[in-house]
Amino acid sequence: MASKTVPVEQAVGMVLPHDVTEIRPLHQDRQDGDSFKGAAFKKGHIIRPEDVEHLKRLGKDNIYVLSLDDDEIHENEAAEILAAALAGSGVTVSGAPTEGKLSLIADHDGLLQVDVDALYHFNLLGEVMCASLHNNTPVKKGTQVAATRLIPLTSKKAVVDQAAALCPAAGVFQVKALRSARAGLVITGNEVYYGRIKDAFEPVLRKKLAALGSSVVKVTFAPDDIGEIAGQIKACLADGADLIVTSGGMSVDPDDVTRLAIAEAGATDMVYGTPVLPGAMFLVGTIGEVPVMGLPACGMFHRITVFDFVLPRVLAGEKMTRDDLARLGHGGLCSICKTCTYPVCHFGK
């Protein structure tokens, strides 16, 4: 790359080789912390006499003039190559580069899935970068899920090609649509079944399922009896439920028999117990092709539990394994904050 520095007064008529960033208060008459950050001048802008003072206010007393060699690439072109390689199904690239950066945007509502290992090796190269949301984050259409850029203004084309080649053919980022499940809820426990206390699970579960685009097709109640609970699970399946959620009866108390009843109803591949608090006594498995989840009592009292981490993944088509649940331990401790700010916190990350 051939480059030279030209005093801004002598740069009138020249073409800017990169965006020039400006940060300024949105309200000049007050100090409220609100500010604008963006390109004051875009790459390709021809410098005019009236731009000179503006550029000086931005600290640009001198301007680069670049001439790229055949084996070199500019940050904007590099960003386009990198973003195209990173984006997978359900992810689109946002417009033209701004300040050398491109964003990756969710095409639809769903679950963001990140090839974490591929992202790590991409960022090991040093001259390229990509920052993203966490793996398995539920996102809405239009959400920025990642951003990428070349770190220097220019680089060797081979570096950019190497970074792109590290990305799998399916991309590093995908947004998987969540299916609209027809859930059957089986509320267990003698205390609810015999009317000693009012059930608190149903409204909580309805709200959480609806938030992800699913519905409840049947709600049934059963005492702490293996045969009764298993029978109600089968009744939900017979009524067309393609997702089963049971509540209560998941501890080691002698009356807590729900997990035994889930097995009696035909569940296989059951995984009981998770390294998440609240939610340690959670269960997940399948009955045929129908996912089944057993929620411990914490689901009534805590706003967010392990159920909130697992449900989106199940609706995205994942079959949860012991390995999947074991990985939730890192970040799996809720701080039970007085004011819950989830998902803007460490829990589940």
Protein backbone atom coordinates (compact mmCIF):
# COMPACT_ATOMS: atom_id res chain seq x y z
CA MET A 1 0.00 0.00 0.00
CA ALA A 2 1.28 3.38 -0.98
CA SER A 3 0.03 6.17 1.25
CA LYS A 4 0.82 9.74 2.01
CA THR A 5 -0.44 12.33 4.44
CA VAL A 6 -1.82 15.57 3.07
CA PRO A 7 -2.67 18.66 5.16
CA VAL A 8 -6.44 19.06 5.13
CA GLU A 9 -6.19 22.51 3.53
CA GLN A 10 -4.46 20.90 0.56
CA ALA A 11 -6.92 18.00 0.35
CA VAL A 12 -9.75 19.93 -1.32
CA GLY A 13 -10.88 17.93 -4.36
CA MET A 14 -9.40 14.67 -3.05
CA VAL A 15 -11.46 11.56 -2.27
CA LEU A 16 -11.69 10.25 1.30
CA PRO A 17 -10.44 6.63 1.51
CA HIS A 18 -12.48 5.85 4.64
CA ASP A 19 -15.38 7.10 6.76
CA VAL A 20 -14.58 9.93 9.16
CA THR A 21 -16.34 9.42 12.49
CA GLU A 22 -17.98 12.17 14.50
CA ILE A 23 -19.18 12.08 18.10
CA ARG A 24 -21.23 15.04 19.27
CA PRO A 25 -23.89 15.83 21.90
CA LEU A 26 -27.43 15.56 20.61
CA HIS A 27 -28.37 18.62 22.64
CA GLN A 28 -25.78 21.38 22.55
CA ASP A 29 -27.47 23.32 25.35
CA ARG A 30 -27.41 20.60 28.00
CA GLN A 31 -25.10 17.91 29.32
CA ASP A 32 -27.41 14.90 29.58
CA GLY A 33 -25.06 12.29 28.17
CA ASP A 34 -27.02 11.78 24.95
CA SER A 35 -24.71 11.76 21.94
CA PHE A 36 -24.52 10.94 18.24
CA LYS A 37 -21.79 8.68 16.87
CA GLY A 38 -21.59 8.10 13.16
CA ALA A 39 -19.95 9.01 9.89
CA ALA A 40 -19.63 12.77 9.34
CA PHE A 41 -18.06 12.04 5.94
CA LYS A 42 -18.40 8.75 4.09
CA LYS A 43 -15.73 6.92 2.14
CA GLY A 44 -15.65 8.33 -1.40
CA HIS A 45 -16.65 11.85 -0.33
CA ILE A 46 -14.89 14.54 -2.35
CA ILE A 47 -13.51 17.09 0.07
CA ARG A 48 -14.95 20.59 -0.47
CA PRO A 49 -13.58 23.91 0.80
CA GLU A 50 -16.42 24.16 3.32
CA ASP A 51 -15.44 20.75 4.77
CA VAL A 52 -12.00 21.88 5.93
CA GLU A 53 -13.06 23.52 9.21
CA HIS A 54 -15.45 20.66 9.99
CA LEU A 55 -12.65 18.13 9.53
CA LYS A 56 -10.37 20.18 11.75
CA ARG A 57 -12.99 20.20 14.51
CA LEU A 58 -12.92 16.42 14.29
CA GLY A 59 -9.16 16.45 14.80
CA LYS A 60 -8.35 15.77 11.15
CA ASP A 61 -5.54 18.22 10.41
CA ASN A 62 -4.19 15.72 7.90
CA ILE A 63 -5.85 13.33 5.45
CA TYR A 64 -4.62 9.98 4.16
CA VAL A 65 -4.37 9.43 0.44
CA LEU A 66 -4.17 5.71 -0.34
CA SER A 67 -3.14 3.63 -3.29
CA LEU A 68 -3.79 -0.10 -2.78
CA ASP A 69 -1.53 -2.79 -4.20
CA ASP A 70 -3.12 -5.64 -6.13
CA ASP A 71 -2.91 -7.99 -3.12
CA GLU A 72 -4.52 -5.53 -0.70
CA ILE A 73 -8.11 -4.82 0.28
CA HIS A 74 -9.95 -1.85 1.81
CA GLU A 75 -11.92 -2.22 5.07
CA ASN A 76 -15.32 -1.77 3.38
CA GLU A 77 -14.78 -4.47 0.78
CA ALA A 78 -13.34 -6.73 3.48
CA ALA A 79 -16.41 -6.22 5.69
CA GLU A 80 -18.68 -7.32 2.85
CA ILE A 81 -16.69 -10.53 2.31
CA LEU A 82 -16.53 -11.32 6.03
CA ALA A 83 -20.22 -10.64 6.68
CA ALA A 84 -21.29 -12.83 3.77
CA ALA A 85 -19.20 -15.72 5.13
CA LEU A 86 -20.48 -15.32 8.70
CA ALA A 87 -24.20 -15.05 7.89
CA GLY A 88 -26.17 -18.28 7.79
CA SER A 89 -29.82 -19.19 7.52
CA GLY A 90 -32.16 -16.62 9.03
CA VAL A 91 -29.48 -13.91 9.09
CA THR A 92 -29.03 -11.05 6.64
CA VAL A 93 -26.33 -8.42 6.15
CA SER A 94 -27.28 -4.80 6.79
CA GLY A 95 -26.83 -2.51 3.78
CA ALA A 96 -23.48 -0.89 3.07
CA PRO A 97 -20.56 -0.71 5.50
CA THR A 98 -20.54 2.19 7.94
CA GLU A 99 -17.15 3.19 9.36
CA GLY A 100 -15.85 -0.09 7.95
CA LYS A 101 -18.39 -2.18 9.87
CA LEU A 102 -21.31 -4.36 8.82
CA SER A 103 -24.06 -5.70 11.05
CA LEU A 104 -25.76 -9.09 10.83
CA ILE A 105 -29.51 -8.90 11.40
CA ALA A 106 -32.14 -11.52 12.29
CA ASP A 107 -34.45 -12.15 9.33
CA HIS A 108 -37.25 -13.39 11.59
CA ASP A 109 -38.12 -14.16 15.20
CA GLY A 110 -36.32 -17.21 16.52
CA LEU A 111 -33.33 -18.59 18.38
CA LEU A 112 -29.85 -17.32 17.57
CA GLN A 113 -27.39 -20.18 17.25
CA VAL A 114 -23.68 -19.46 17.12
CA ASP A 115 -20.86 -21.76 16.05
CA VAL A 116 -18.78 -20.65 19.04
CA ASP A 117 -15.66 -22.58 18.05
CA ALA A 118 -15.66 -21.16 14.51
CA LEU A 119 -16.15 -17.64 15.90
CA TYR A 120 -13.20 -18.15 18.26
CA HIS A 121 -10.86 -19.22 15.46
CA PHE A 122 -12.09 -16.37 13.25
CA ASN A 123 -11.15 -13.85 15.93
CA LEU A 124 -7.77 -15.50 16.55
CA LEU A 125 -6.53 -14.11 13.22
CA GLY A 126 -6.16 -10.65 14.74
CA GLU A 127 -6.78 -8.37 11.76
CA VAL A 128 -10.47 -9.24 11.59
CA MET A 129 -13.11 -9.19 14.30
CA CYS A 130 -16.66 -10.29 14.92
CA ALA A 131 -18.70 -9.61 18.07
CA SER A 132 -22.05 -11.26 18.69
CA LEU A 133 -24.87 -11.91 21.09
CA HIS A 134 -24.66 -15.10 23.14
CA ASN A 135 -25.43 -18.47 21.65
CA ASN A 136 -29.05 -19.61 22.13
CA THR A 137 -30.42 -16.09 22.60
CA PRO A 138 -34.08 -15.66 21.56
CA VAL A 139 -34.25 -12.75 19.10
CA LYS A 140 -36.87 -10.76 17.25
CA LYS A 141 -36.88 -9.92 13.55
CA GLY A 142 -34.54 -6.99 12.95
CA THR A 143 -32.34 -7.65 15.99
CA GLN A 144 -28.63 -7.07 15.44
CA VAL A 145 -27.06 -10.43 16.27
CA ALA A 146 -23.43 -9.70 15.32
CA ALA A 147 -21.11 -7.16 13.71
CA THR A 148 -17.84 -7.57 11.83
CA ARG A 149 -15.07 -5.47 10.37
CA LEU A 150 -11.44 -5.38 9.33
CA ILE A 151 -9.44 -3.81 12.17
CA PRO A 152 -6.84 -1.90 10.11
CA LEU A 153 -7.94 0.38 7.27
CA THR A 154 -6.43 -2.04 4.76
CA SER A 155 -5.06 -5.56 4.84
CA LYS A 156 -3.75 -8.29 2.60
CA LYS A 157 -6.53 -10.01 0.67
CA ALA A 158 -5.13 -13.34 1.83
CA VAL A 159 -5.97 -12.52 5.46
CA VAL A 160 -9.59 -11.77 4.60
CA ASP A 161 -9.83 -14.88 2.43
CA GLN A 162 -8.42 -16.96 5.30
CA ALA A 163 -10.99 -15.54 7.72
CA ALA A 164 -13.84 -16.25 5.32
CA ALA A 165 -12.57 -19.80 4.76
CA LEU A 166 -12.74 -20.45 8.52
CA CYS A 167 -16.51 -19.95 8.43
CA PRO A 168 -18.55 -23.12 7.86
CA ALA A 169 -20.60 -23.37 4.69
CA ALA A 170 -23.72 -22.93 6.84
CA GLY A 171 -22.32 -19.73 8.34
CA VAL A 172 -21.31 -18.95 11.91
CA PHE A 173 -24.70 -17.43 12.82
CA GLN A 174 -28.16 -18.85 12.21
CA VAL A 175 -31.58 -17.84 13.48
CA LYS A 176 -33.81 -20.88 13.78
CA ALA A 177 -37.57 -20.32 13.73
CA LEU A 178 -39.50 -21.63 16.73
CA ARG A 179 -42.38 -23.96 16.01
CA SER A 180 -45.80 -23.11 17.41
CA ALA A 181 -46.33 -25.93 19.89
CA ARG A 182 -49.69 -27.21 21.17
CA ALA A 183 -48.87 -27.77 24.81
CA GLY A 184 -50.55 -30.07 27.28
CA LEU A 185 -50.12 -28.99 30.91
CA VAL A 186 -50.32 -31.57 33.69
CA ILE A 187 -50.49 -29.87 37.09
CA THR A 188 -49.59 -32.35 39.83
CA GLY A 189 -49.84 -32.40 43.60
CA ASN A 190 -52.43 -33.44 46.17
CA GLU A 191 -52.58 -29.91 47.55
CA VAL A 192 -53.86 -28.53 44.22
CA TYR A 193 -55.86 -31.58 43.11
CA TYR A 194 -57.91 -31.66 46.32
CA GLY A 195 -58.40 -27.90 46.37
CA ARG A 196 -56.26 -27.15 49.42
CA ILE A 197 -54.43 -24.40 47.55
CA LYS A 198 -54.99 -22.60 44.26
CA ASP A 199 -52.80 -23.59 41.33
CA ALA A 200 -50.24 -20.93 40.37
CA PHE A 201 -48.49 -22.81 37.56
CA GLU A 202 -51.04 -22.56 34.75
CA PRO A 203 -51.01 -18.75 34.28
CA VAL A 204 -47.21 -18.66 34.42
CA LEU A 205 -46.83 -21.41 31.83
CA ARG A 206 -49.49 -19.97 29.52
CA LYS A 207 -47.69 -16.63 29.50
CA LYS A 208 -44.27 -18.14 28.79
CA LEU A 209 -45.56 -20.36 26.01
CA ALA A 210 -47.53 -17.53 24.39
CA ALA A 211 -44.46 -15.28 24.43
CA LEU A 212 -42.74 -17.80 22.15
CA GLY A 213 -45.70 -18.28 19.83
CA SER A 214 -47.10 -21.48 21.35
CA SER A 215 -50.50 -22.26 22.85
CA VAL A 216 -52.06 -24.51 25.48
CA VAL A 217 -54.54 -27.11 24.18
CA LYS A 218 -55.26 -28.93 27.42
CA VAL A 219 -54.82 -28.33 31.15
CA THR A 220 -55.36 -31.25 33.50
CA PHE A 221 -54.75 -31.96 37.18
CA ALA A 222 -53.55 -35.09 38.92
CA PRO A 223 -52.84 -36.15 42.52
CA ASP A 224 -49.47 -37.48 43.61
CA ASP A 225 -50.07 -40.88 42.05
CA ILE A 226 -47.90 -42.40 39.33
CA GLY A 227 -50.77 -43.98 37.42
CA GLU A 228 -52.97 -40.87 37.58
CA ILE A 229 -50.23 -38.55 36.36
CA ALA A 230 -49.19 -40.95 33.58
CA GLY A 231 -52.83 -41.23 32.53
CA GLN A 232 -53.24 -37.46 32.29
CA ILE A 233 -50.07 -37.18 30.20
CA LYS A 234 -51.47 -39.77 27.79
CA ALA A 235 -54.79 -37.91 27.71
CA CYS A 236 -52.99 -34.74 26.64
CA LEU A 237 -51.25 -36.64 23.86
CA ALA A 238 -54.56 -38.12 22.73
CA ASP A 239 -55.98 -34.60 22.50
CA GLY A 240 -53.25 -33.51 20.11
CA ALA A 241 -50.61 -32.03 22.39
CA ASP A 242 -47.16 -31.98 20.76
CA LEU A 243 -45.43 -30.67 23.89
CA ILE A 244 -45.97 -31.89 27.46
CA VAL A 245 -45.16 -29.77 30.51
CA THR A 246 -45.70 -31.13 34.00
CA SER A 247 -45.47 -29.04 37.14
CA GLY A 248 -44.45 -30.05 40.63
CA GLY A 249 -43.51 -33.35 42.20
CA MET A 250 -39.89 -33.30 41.05
CA SER A 251 -38.03 -33.43 44.39
CA VAL A 252 -36.89 -36.43 46.46
CA ASP A 253 -39.86 -36.29 48.86
CA PRO A 254 -41.83 -39.57 49.08
CA ASP A 255 -44.95 -37.90 47.64
CA ASP A 256 -43.07 -36.46 44.66
CA VAL A 257 -43.56 -39.08 41.95
CA THR A 258 -43.95 -36.99 38.79
CA ARG A 259 -40.68 -38.06 37.19
CA LEU A 260 -41.60 -41.71 37.76
CA ALA A 261 -44.98 -41.02 36.16
CA ILE A 262 -43.32 -39.39 33.14
CA ALA A 263 -41.33 -42.59 32.63
CA GLU A 264 -44.51 -44.64 33.12
CA ALA A 265 -46.15 -42.59 30.35
CA GLY A 266 -43.48 -43.79 27.93
CA ALA A 267 -40.76 -41.14 28.14
CA THR A 268 -37.28 -42.04 26.94
CA ASP A 269 -33.94 -40.24 26.87
CA MET A 270 -34.87 -38.56 30.14
CA VAL A 271 -32.33 -36.24 31.73
CA TYR A 272 -33.10 -35.34 35.33
CA GLY A 273 -31.22 -32.64 37.19
CA THR A 274 -29.50 -29.49 35.92
CA PRO A 275 -26.64 -27.27 37.17
CA VAL A 276 -28.96 -24.25 37.23
CA LEU A 277 -30.42 -22.44 40.23
CA PRO A 278 -33.35 -22.06 40.26
CA GLY A 279 -34.20 -25.27 38.42
CA ALA A 280 -31.89 -28.01 39.70
CA MET A 281 -34.63 -30.68 39.72
CA PHE A 282 -35.80 -30.05 36.15
CA LEU A 283 -36.40 -32.97 33.78
CA VAL A 284 -36.45 -33.18 30.00
CA GLY A 285 -37.13 -36.14 27.73
CA THR A 286 -39.37 -37.33 24.90
CA ILE A 287 -42.43 -39.51 24.46
CA GLY A 288 -42.08 -40.68 20.89
CA GLU A 289 -41.41 -37.43 19.04
CA VAL A 290 -43.10 -35.25 21.66
CA PRO A 291 -40.83 -33.31 24.04
CA VAL A 292 -41.73 -33.52 27.71
CA MET A 293 -40.47 -31.25 30.47
CA GLY A 294 -40.94 -31.63 34.21
CA LEU A 295 -40.80 -28.37 36.17
CA PRO A 296 -39.97 -28.22 39.86
CA ALA A 297 -41.90 -25.89 42.17
CA CYS A 298 -39.41 -23.03 41.66
CA GLY A 299 -41.19 -22.31 38.38
CA MET A 300 -44.04 -20.75 40.36
CA PHE A 301 -41.94 -18.42 42.48
CA HIS A 302 -39.02 -17.32 40.31
CA ARG A 303 -39.48 -15.17 37.23
CA ILE A 304 -36.70 -16.97 35.32
CA THR A 305 -35.59 -20.59 35.74
CA VAL A 306 -33.88 -23.25 33.67
CA PHE A 307 -37.22 -23.75 31.86
CA ASP A 308 -36.71 -20.37 30.17
CA PHE A 309 -33.36 -21.53 28.78
CA VAL A 310 -34.53 -24.94 27.59
CA LEU A 311 -37.99 -24.13 26.15
CA PRO A 312 -36.75 -21.99 23.22
CA ARG A 313 -34.20 -24.62 22.28
CA VAL A 314 -36.80 -27.37 22.34
CA LEU A 315 -39.11 -25.26 20.17
CA ALA A 316 -36.20 -24.75 17.76
CA GLY A 317 -36.00 -28.52 17.32
CA GLU A 318 -33.17 -29.42 19.68
CA LYS A 319 -33.22 -32.68 21.61
CA MET A 320 -31.58 -31.72 24.89
CA THR A 321 -28.88 -34.04 26.24
CA ARG A 322 -26.94 -34.30 29.48
CA ASP A 323 -24.07 -32.53 27.76
CA ASP A 324 -26.33 -29.63 26.76
CA LEU A 325 -27.61 -29.22 30.30
CA ALA A 326 -24.17 -29.58 31.87
CA ARG A 327 -22.95 -26.59 29.87
CA LEU A 328 -25.60 -24.41 31.51
CA GLY A 329 -23.72 -24.51 34.82
CA HIS A 330 -21.38 -21.70 33.77
CA GLY A 331 -23.65 -18.69 34.26
CA GLY A 332 -26.40 -20.87 35.71
CA LEU A 333 -26.60 -19.16 39.11
CA CYS A 334 -29.33 -16.54 39.39
CA SER A 335 -28.49 -13.70 41.80
CA ILE A 336 -32.19 -13.28 42.71
CA CYS A 337 -31.91 -9.51 42.29
CA LYS A 338 -34.49 -7.33 44.01
CA THR A 339 -35.33 -5.87 40.59
CA CYS A 340 -34.99 -8.48 37.85
CA THR A 341 -33.40 -7.19 34.64
CA TYR A 342 -33.18 -10.53 32.80
CA PRO A 343 -32.09 -10.99 30.02
CA VAL A 344 -29.81 -8.00 30.63
CA CYS A 345 -27.73 -9.88 33.20
CA HIS A 346 -25.31 -12.79 33.57
CA PHE A 347 -27.93 -15.50 34.18
CA GLY A 348 -27.97 -18.17 31.52
CA LYS A 349 -25.10 -16.64 29.56
